Amino acid sequence: MTDEEDPRPMTVSQTFRVEGMTCEHCVAAVRDEVARVRGVGEVDVDLATGRLTILADEVIDAEQVRAAVRSAGYEIAA
């Protein structure tokens, strides 16, 4: 079975707000770092709102997401 044929849907959606992003480079940096977190299936980052949405097949530990965002040079809003 290939990855494209994986029948497991990404059923858990988690949303965070990222502070400090000012451009599409910022968005790409956050998206790339968060995508590396084990278990993350899809990542969407909205520059205008700072909204970071993660889709996964199980809940991702918020501290792992926070660490990934910090690695990109930004912070999760409290």
Protein backbone atom coordinates (compact mmCIF):
# COMPACT_ATOMS: atom_id res chain seq x y z
CA MET A 1 0.00 0.00 0.00
CA THR A 2 1.36 3.46 -0.87
CA ASP A 3 0.98 6.58 1.27
CA GLU A 4 -1.63 7.84 -1.18
CA GLU A 5 -3.78 4.79 -0.48
CA ASP A 6 -3.63 5.13 3.32
CA PRO A 7 -7.25 4.69 4.45
CA ARG A 8 -6.73 6.40 7.83
CA PRO A 9 -8.21 9.91 7.72
CA MET A 10 -6.60 12.80 9.56
CA THR A 11 -9.36 13.25 12.12
CA VAL A 12 -7.88 15.48 14.84
CA SER A 13 -7.60 19.21 14.21
CA GLN A 14 -5.63 21.44 16.59
CA THR A 15 -5.34 25.20 16.29
CA PHE A 16 -2.77 27.58 17.76
CA ARG A 17 -1.92 31.25 17.24
CA VAL A 18 1.64 32.12 16.28
CA GLU A 19 3.06 35.53 17.19
CA GLY A 20 5.63 37.49 15.22
CA MET A 21 5.16 36.30 11.64
CA THR A 22 5.41 39.12 9.10
CA CYS A 23 5.87 37.47 5.69
CA GLU A 24 5.47 34.30 3.65
CA HIS A 25 9.02 33.25 4.59
CA CYS A 26 7.86 33.23 8.23
CA VAL A 27 4.86 31.09 7.26
CA ALA A 28 7.07 28.61 5.40
CA ALA A 29 9.51 28.37 8.32
CA VAL A 30 6.71 27.60 10.80
CA ARG A 31 5.00 25.15 8.42
CA ASP A 32 8.25 23.28 7.73
CA GLU A 33 9.23 22.94 11.40
CA VAL A 34 5.77 21.85 12.55
CA ALA A 35 5.49 19.35 9.69
CA ARG A 36 8.55 17.58 11.14
CA VAL A 37 6.74 16.81 14.42
CA ARG A 38 5.99 13.10 14.58
CA GLY A 39 2.35 12.36 13.84
CA VAL A 40 1.54 15.63 12.09
CA GLY A 41 -0.23 14.96 8.80
CA GLU A 42 -1.10 18.41 7.45
CA VAL A 43 -0.12 21.93 8.47
CA ASP A 44 -1.83 25.18 7.51
CA VAL A 45 -0.50 28.59 8.55
CA ASP A 46 -2.46 31.80 7.96
CA LEU A 47 -0.24 34.89 7.95
CA ALA A 48 -3.05 37.42 8.42
CA THR A 49 -4.44 35.81 11.58
CA GLY A 50 -1.37 33.92 12.81
CA ARG A 51 -3.52 30.79 12.92
CA LEU A 52 -1.66 27.48 12.81
CA THR A 53 -3.87 24.46 12.14
CA ILE A 54 -2.58 20.90 12.40
CA LEU A 55 -4.38 17.80 11.17
CA ALA A 56 -3.31 14.44 12.55
CA ASP A 57 -4.71 11.04 13.35
CA GLU A 58 -4.19 11.66 17.08
CA VAL A 59 -3.69 14.64 19.39
CA ILE A 60 -0.21 16.13 19.11
CA ASP A 61 1.43 17.27 22.36
CA ALA A 62 1.20 21.08 22.47
CA GLU A 63 4.74 21.29 23.87
CA GLN A 64 6.08 19.56 20.75
CA VAL A 65 4.25 22.10 18.59
CA ARG A 66 5.54 24.97 20.76
CA ALA A 67 9.11 23.67 20.44
CA ALA A 68 8.79 23.40 16.66
CA VAL A 69 7.43 26.94 16.40
CA ARG A 70 10.29 28.19 18.61
CA SER A 71 12.78 26.40 16.33
CA ALA A 72 11.35 28.46 13.47
CA GLY A 73 11.95 31.62 15.51
CA TYR A 74 8.42 32.37 16.70
CA GLU A 75 6.17 31.83 19.71
CA ILE A 76 2.75 30.32 20.33
CA ALA A 77 0.43 32.91 21.87
CA ALA A 78 -0.64 32.23 25.46
